[in-house]
Protein backbone atom coordinates (compact mmCIF):
# COMPACT_ATOMS: atom_id res chain seq x y z
CA MET A 1 63.98 29.70 33.99
CA ASP A 2 66.54 31.85 32.41
CA PRO A 3 66.66 35.26 34.01
CA LYS A 4 66.80 37.25 30.62
CA GLN A 5 63.87 34.94 29.61
CA GLN A 6 61.63 35.85 32.21
CA LYS A 7 62.33 39.53 31.88
CA SER A 8 61.28 39.41 28.49
CA GLU A 9 58.28 37.27 28.85
CA GLU A 10 57.39 39.99 31.77
CA GLU A 11 57.86 42.97 29.14
CA VAL A 12 55.62 41.29 26.45
CA ALA A 13 53.09 40.74 29.42
CA THR A 14 53.27 44.47 30.38
CA ALA A 15 53.30 45.54 26.83
CA SER A 16 50.17 43.33 26.32
CA THR A 17 48.15 44.80 29.25
CA LEU A 18 48.94 48.43 28.41
CA LEU A 19 47.93 47.86 24.54
CA GLU A 20 44.41 45.95 26.20
CA ASP A 21 43.97 48.99 28.68
CA GLN A 22 44.51 51.63 25.43
CA LEU A 23 42.13 49.24 23.44
CA ASP A 24 39.80 49.56 26.39
CA LEU A 25 40.19 53.37 26.44
CA ASP A 26 39.66 53.97 22.94
CA MET A 27 36.53 51.67 22.79
CA LYS A 28 35.19 53.63 25.79
CA HIS A 29 35.75 56.93 23.52
CA CYS A 30 34.10 55.40 20.91
CA PHE A 31 30.97 54.38 22.87
CA GLU A 32 30.96 58.01 24.55
CA ASN A 33 29.93 59.37 21.08
CA LEU A 34 26.49 59.51 20.08
CA ILE A 35 25.99 58.38 16.62
CA VAL A 36 23.71 61.25 14.99
CA ILE A 37 22.33 62.18 11.85
CA ASP A 38 21.96 65.90 10.86
CA VAL A 39 18.96 66.49 8.58
CA GLY A 40 19.21 70.22 8.13
CA ALA A 41 22.44 72.00 7.84
CA ASN A 42 23.15 74.95 5.58
CA LEU A 43 26.57 74.09 4.56
CA THR A 44 26.46 76.13 1.33
CA ASN A 45 26.55 79.22 3.31
CA LYS A 46 29.37 81.58 2.88
CA LYS A 47 30.31 81.60 6.36
CA TYR A 48 31.76 78.02 5.69
CA SER A 49 33.47 79.28 2.42
CA ARG A 50 37.15 78.99 4.15
CA ASP A 51 37.04 75.79 6.16
CA LEU A 52 34.43 73.54 4.94
CA ASP A 53 36.77 70.36 5.24
CA SER A 54 37.56 71.39 9.29
CA VAL A 55 33.80 71.73 9.93
CA VAL A 56 32.73 68.52 8.12
CA GLN A 57 35.83 66.52 10.27
CA ARG A 58 34.45 68.39 13.53
CA ALA A 59 31.07 66.78 12.97
CA ARG A 60 32.30 63.42 12.27
CA ASP A 61 34.87 63.54 15.16
CA ALA A 62 31.45 64.72 17.42
CA GLY A 63 29.44 61.99 16.37
CA VAL A 64 27.47 63.27 13.48
CA GLN A 65 27.85 60.38 10.76
CA LYS A 66 25.72 62.06 8.11
CA LEU A 67 24.50 65.60 7.07
CA MET A 68 21.99 66.43 4.75
CA VAL A 69 22.83 70.06 3.34
CA HIS A 70 19.78 71.96 2.20
CA GLY A 71 18.90 73.36 -1.60
CA THR A 72 16.67 76.70 -0.54
CA SER A 73 17.18 77.89 -4.13
CA VAL A 74 18.26 76.91 -7.50
CA LYS A 75 21.92 78.21 -7.16
CA SER A 76 22.16 76.94 -3.53
CA SER A 77 20.39 73.31 -4.68
CA LYS A 78 22.97 73.27 -7.17
CA GLU A 79 25.95 74.03 -4.81
CA ALA A 80 24.31 71.34 -2.14
CA LEU A 81 24.55 68.52 -4.68
CA ARG A 82 27.89 69.44 -5.54
CA LEU A 83 29.34 69.21 -1.85
CA SER A 84 27.53 65.73 -1.80
CA ARG A 85 29.55 64.48 -4.34
CA ILE A 86 32.68 65.92 -3.05
CA TYR A 87 31.92 64.14 0.51
CA PRO A 88 30.18 60.83 -0.62
CA ASP A 89 28.46 58.99 1.77
CA ILE A 90 28.58 61.82 4.42
CA ILE A 91 26.85 64.62 2.78
CA TYR A 92 23.19 64.28 1.11
CA SER A 93 21.80 67.10 -0.53
CA THR A 94 18.00 68.45 -0.78
CA ALA A 95 16.61 70.49 -4.01
CA GLY A 96 14.30 73.31 -2.91
CA ILE A 97 12.61 76.89 -2.99
CA HIS A 98 12.43 78.21 0.14
CA PRO A 99 9.18 80.38 0.57
CA HIS A 100 11.38 83.63 0.88
CA ASP A 101 13.01 82.75 -2.74
CA SER A 102 9.45 81.72 -4.24
CA LYS A 103 9.43 85.23 -6.16
CA SER A 104 12.71 84.51 -7.93
CA ILE A 105 10.97 81.14 -9.94
CA VAL A 106 7.95 83.71 -10.90
CA GLU A 107 10.19 85.93 -12.45
CA GLU A 108 12.31 83.59 -14.10
CA PRO A 109 10.14 80.72 -14.70
CA ALA A 110 12.68 78.83 -16.99
CA THR A 111 14.90 78.25 -13.75
CA TRP A 112 12.56 75.82 -12.47
CA TYR A 113 13.50 73.16 -15.09
CA ASP A 114 17.21 73.68 -13.54
CA LEU A 115 15.63 72.83 -10.06
CA GLU A 116 13.85 69.73 -11.42
CA HIS A 117 17.25 68.30 -13.28
CA ILE A 118 19.09 68.88 -9.64
CA ALA A 119 16.27 66.95 -7.89
CA GLN A 120 16.31 63.81 -9.90
CA ALA A 121 19.94 63.06 -8.93
CA GLN A 122 20.45 60.14 -6.68
CA GLU A 123 22.49 62.12 -4.24
CA CYS A 124 19.49 64.44 -3.78
CA VAL A 125 17.27 62.70 -1.07
CA ALA A 126 14.60 65.05 -0.61
CA VAL A 127 12.31 67.97 -1.99
CA GLY A 128 12.59 71.24 -0.27
CA PRO A 129 12.48 73.00 2.15
CA CYS A 130 9.23 74.66 0.72
CA GLY A 131 6.21 75.67 2.23
CA LEU A 132 4.96 78.99 3.59
CA ASP A 133 6.11 81.66 5.37
CA TYR A 134 3.79 84.56 6.74
CA GLN A 135 6.23 85.95 9.03
CA ARG A 136 8.34 87.98 6.67
CA ASP A 137 7.32 89.62 3.29
CA PHE A 138 9.96 88.33 1.09
CA SER A 139 7.50 87.01 -1.31
CA GLU A 140 3.99 87.33 -1.98
CA PRO A 141 1.84 84.56 -0.34
CA ASP A 142 0.31 83.87 -3.77
CA ALA A 143 3.58 83.33 -5.24
CA GLN A 144 4.52 81.23 -2.55
CA LYS A 145 1.47 79.00 -2.77
CA GLN A 146 2.03 78.59 -6.34
CA ILE A 147 5.61 77.44 -6.05
CA PHE A 148 5.12 75.17 -2.69
CA ALA A 149 2.46 73.48 -5.13
CA LYS A 150 4.81 72.93 -7.61
CA GLN A 151 7.24 71.44 -5.56
CA LEU A 152 4.68 69.10 -3.96
CA HIS A 153 3.78 68.03 -7.46
CA LEU A 154 7.62 67.30 -8.21
CA ALA A 155 8.06 65.27 -4.81
CA ILE A 156 5.11 63.17 -5.87
CA ARG A 157 6.78 62.42 -9.42
CA LEU A 158 10.12 61.67 -7.85
CA ASN A 159 8.65 59.72 -4.74
CA LYS A 160 11.20 61.75 -2.67
CA PRO A 161 10.21 63.10 0.89
CA LEU A 162 9.14 66.48 1.40
CA LEU A 163 10.93 68.89 3.92
CA ILE A 164 8.36 71.77 4.99
CA HIS A 165 9.23 75.05 6.16
CA GLU A 166 6.07 76.77 7.72
CA ARG A 167 5.64 80.19 9.97
CA SER A 168 2.25 81.57 10.75
CA ALA A 169 0.84 79.83 8.04
CA GLN A 170 -0.44 76.46 9.13
CA HIS A 171 -4.02 76.84 8.03
CA ASP A 172 -3.14 77.63 4.22
CA LEU A 173 -0.35 74.99 4.10
CA LEU A 174 -2.44 72.28 5.58
CA GLU A 175 -5.48 73.26 3.06
CA ILE A 176 -2.78 72.86 0.28
CA LEU A 177 -1.24 69.53 1.26
CA ASP A 178 -4.73 68.14 2.32
CA LYS A 179 -5.54 68.56 -1.79
CA PHE A 180 -2.76 66.06 -2.50
CA GLU A 181 -3.07 62.40 -2.37
CA ASN A 182 -0.24 59.99 -2.26
CA LEU A 183 2.13 62.17 -1.10
CA PRO A 184 5.52 61.08 -0.04
CA PRO A 185 6.65 61.46 3.69
CA VAL A 186 6.72 64.72 5.06
CA ILE A 187 8.91 66.43 7.45
CA ILE A 188 8.05 69.84 9.43
CA ARG A 189 11.46 71.04 9.75
CA GLY A 190 12.62 73.52 12.20
CA PHE A 191 9.57 73.12 14.11
CA MET A 192 8.93 76.44 16.51
CA GLY A 193 5.34 76.12 16.73
CA THR A 194 2.68 75.16 19.67
CA ALA A 195 1.88 71.59 20.74
CA GLU A 196 -1.70 72.19 19.43
CA GLU A 197 -0.23 73.13 15.93
CA ALA A 198 2.46 69.91 15.89
CA LEU A 199 -0.73 67.70 16.99
CA LYS A 200 -2.44 68.51 13.80
CA TYR A 201 0.96 67.62 11.66
CA LEU A 202 1.21 64.48 13.89
CA GLU A 203 -2.43 63.55 13.12
CA ARG A 204 -1.45 63.49 9.48
CA ARG A 205 1.66 60.85 10.29
CA PHE A 206 3.95 64.04 9.59
CA TYR A 207 7.68 63.81 11.08
CA ILE A 208 8.57 66.82 12.99
CA SER A 209 12.43 67.92 13.07
CA LEU A 210 13.85 69.77 16.18
CA THR A 211 16.58 72.11 16.26
CA GLY A 212 18.42 74.50 18.79
CA TYR A 213 15.40 76.71 19.04
CA LEU A 214 14.62 74.35 22.31
CA CYS A 215 16.97 76.98 23.93
CA LYS A 216 14.78 80.08 22.99
CA ASP A 217 11.45 78.61 23.35
CA LYS A 218 9.99 80.06 26.58
CA SER A 219 6.29 79.12 26.16
CA ASP A 220 4.29 76.91 28.08
CA SER A 221 2.72 75.69 24.95
CA GLY A 222 5.70 75.13 22.60
CA VAL A 223 8.35 72.76 21.83
CA ARG A 224 9.20 71.97 25.32
CA ARG A 225 5.92 70.82 26.42
CA LEU A 226 5.85 68.49 22.92
CA LEU A 227 8.91 66.65 24.26
CA GLU A 228 7.84 66.74 28.32
CA ASP A 229 4.41 65.41 27.92
CA GLY A 230 5.23 62.96 25.44
CA THR A 231 3.17 64.27 22.77
CA LEU A 232 6.03 64.02 20.31
CA PRO A 233 6.78 60.43 20.04
CA LEU A 234 10.27 59.26 18.93
CA ASP A 235 9.18 57.33 15.78
CA ARG A 236 8.17 60.98 14.31
CA LEU A 237 11.27 62.73 15.45
CA LEU A 238 14.39 64.01 13.55
CA VAL A 239 16.78 66.31 14.77
CA GLU A 240 19.09 69.11 12.77
CA THR A 241 21.33 72.22 13.61
CA ASP A 242 20.02 74.26 11.00
CA ALA A 243 23.63 75.66 11.14
CA PRO A 244 24.87 78.43 10.92
CA PHE A 245 21.73 79.22 12.33
CA MET A 246 19.76 78.25 15.75
CA TYR A 247 22.74 78.19 17.93
CA PRO A 248 21.80 76.14 20.90
CA ASN A 249 22.51 78.26 24.08
CA THR A 250 22.80 75.75 26.78
CA ARG A 251 23.33 79.13 29.12
CA ALA A 252 19.89 80.33 28.67
CA SER A 253 18.71 81.33 31.85
CA LYS A 254 15.13 79.63 31.19
CA LEU A 255 16.55 76.22 30.45
CA PRO A 256 15.61 74.00 32.96
CA GLN A 257 18.66 73.01 35.50
CA HIS A 258 18.26 68.94 34.80
CA VAL A 259 18.29 69.73 30.98
CA LYS A 260 21.68 71.71 31.57
CA THR A 261 23.35 68.88 33.73
CA GLY A 262 22.28 66.30 30.88
CA ILE A 263 24.61 67.69 28.48
CA THR A 264 27.80 65.94 28.62
CA GLU A 265 31.22 67.61 29.14
CA ARG A 266 32.09 66.22 25.55
CA SER A 267 29.46 68.08 23.99
CA LEU A 268 29.71 71.21 25.59
CA LEU A 269 33.50 71.05 24.47
CA TYR A 270 32.27 70.61 20.94
CA LEU A 271 29.58 73.20 21.17
CA HIS A 272 31.67 75.99 23.21
CA ARG A 273 34.73 75.96 21.27
CA TYR A 274 33.64 76.07 17.55
CA CYS A 275 30.21 77.02 17.69
CA THR A 276 29.11 80.78 18.24
CA PHE A 277 25.56 82.73 17.88
CA GLN A 278 27.02 84.30 14.43
CA ARG A 279 27.89 80.36 13.03
CA ASN A 280 26.53 77.48 14.63
CA GLU A 281 28.03 73.97 13.25
CA PRO A 282 26.70 70.81 12.74
CA CYS A 283 29.05 69.46 15.63
CA SER A 284 26.66 70.97 18.07
CA LEU A 285 24.07 68.25 17.49
CA PRO A 286 24.93 65.85 20.22
CA ALA A 287 24.16 68.65 22.80
CA ILE A 288 20.81 69.27 21.34
CA VAL A 289 19.86 65.49 21.20
CA GLU A 290 21.24 65.31 24.90
CA MET A 291 18.87 68.21 25.60
CA ILE A 292 16.03 66.70 23.80
CA ALA A 293 16.47 63.43 25.62
CA ALA A 294 16.51 65.31 29.20
CA PHE A 295 13.18 66.95 28.43
CA MET A 296 11.86 63.57 27.22
CA LYS A 297 13.20 61.74 30.26
CA LYS A 298 14.69 59.42 28.29
CA THR A 299 18.57 58.58 27.43
CA PRO A 300 20.69 60.35 24.76
CA ASP A 301 21.43 56.95 23.48
CA GLU A 302 17.44 56.27 22.77
CA VAL A 303 16.99 59.56 20.94
CA ALA A 304 20.34 59.17 18.81
CA LEU A 305 19.26 55.88 17.67
CA ALA A 306 15.77 56.53 17.15
CA THR A 307 16.21 59.89 15.27
CA ALA A 308 19.20 58.09 13.25
CA PHE A 309 17.07 55.21 12.31
CA ASN A 310 14.19 57.67 11.18
CA ALA A 311 16.55 59.50 8.98
CA LEU A 312 18.05 56.38 7.23
CA LYS A 313 14.83 54.75 6.67
CA LEU A 314 13.29 58.15 5.83
CA PHE A 315 15.63 59.74 3.19
CA GLY A 316 17.59 55.99 2.12
CA LEU A 317 20.50 56.99 3.30
CA SER A 318 23.46 54.33 2.69
């Protein structure tokens, strides 16, 4: 064989080997990423006004394929819908009146029709967050109940899932919900209650969404117990960051060591480089999923797959 031809063939073979190695590395990088869906991010918050493009891109790079941006007032519901049109097939919106904002509809009843109009949009995939919150006094309980009931009627009419926010008000909340027939799927978002309270929701076939609150929960009967004793099955579980709130403090002293070591370096890199107590980001979601998996004694892939499937099915995400 001509020496030049032999050298050329060796170079081609070497280049081919290098290309295959690079492809293997690229594929490995892809599979290192958990594929997750954040069903609750408050990206209309002014903390993201200067760099929202970067926040969304970081989430995508971290493995967060889709984001649901919550509308908690008429104004933020309108803004969430606008974002869903700027980032199609990545951001989806919800339309709701948070319990804290209930008095705004009572004081200005005409604004309710604006919310109804927003909720009918195709990009709006759920009604809420709505519900009852007795921990703070931003709106009177009677006003909260009135506006909550209106949103239940709206969700039933539109056949869109319900995102429920509840704090220290389970008895009254269930009393209202139990009066309604043909409720669409119900999601108790950002759950922070006890295992006993969770059982009351699960008995009604409601879904429960968890956040980085896992790091804060120090009780023997709360969210951690739900996961450790198998009370919360994977087919009823969703995950969210509640960004910019609920920063998952993986350095918390009461967080078990096996949970800390279950978080990958990659997830910690995104968490510690881009997220703070003052401004959490959706890119922290893989770390939350890995913590949940450690508490449940399951693999992160199992939790990621199940929660993503639940979100796709419930909200009809494309």
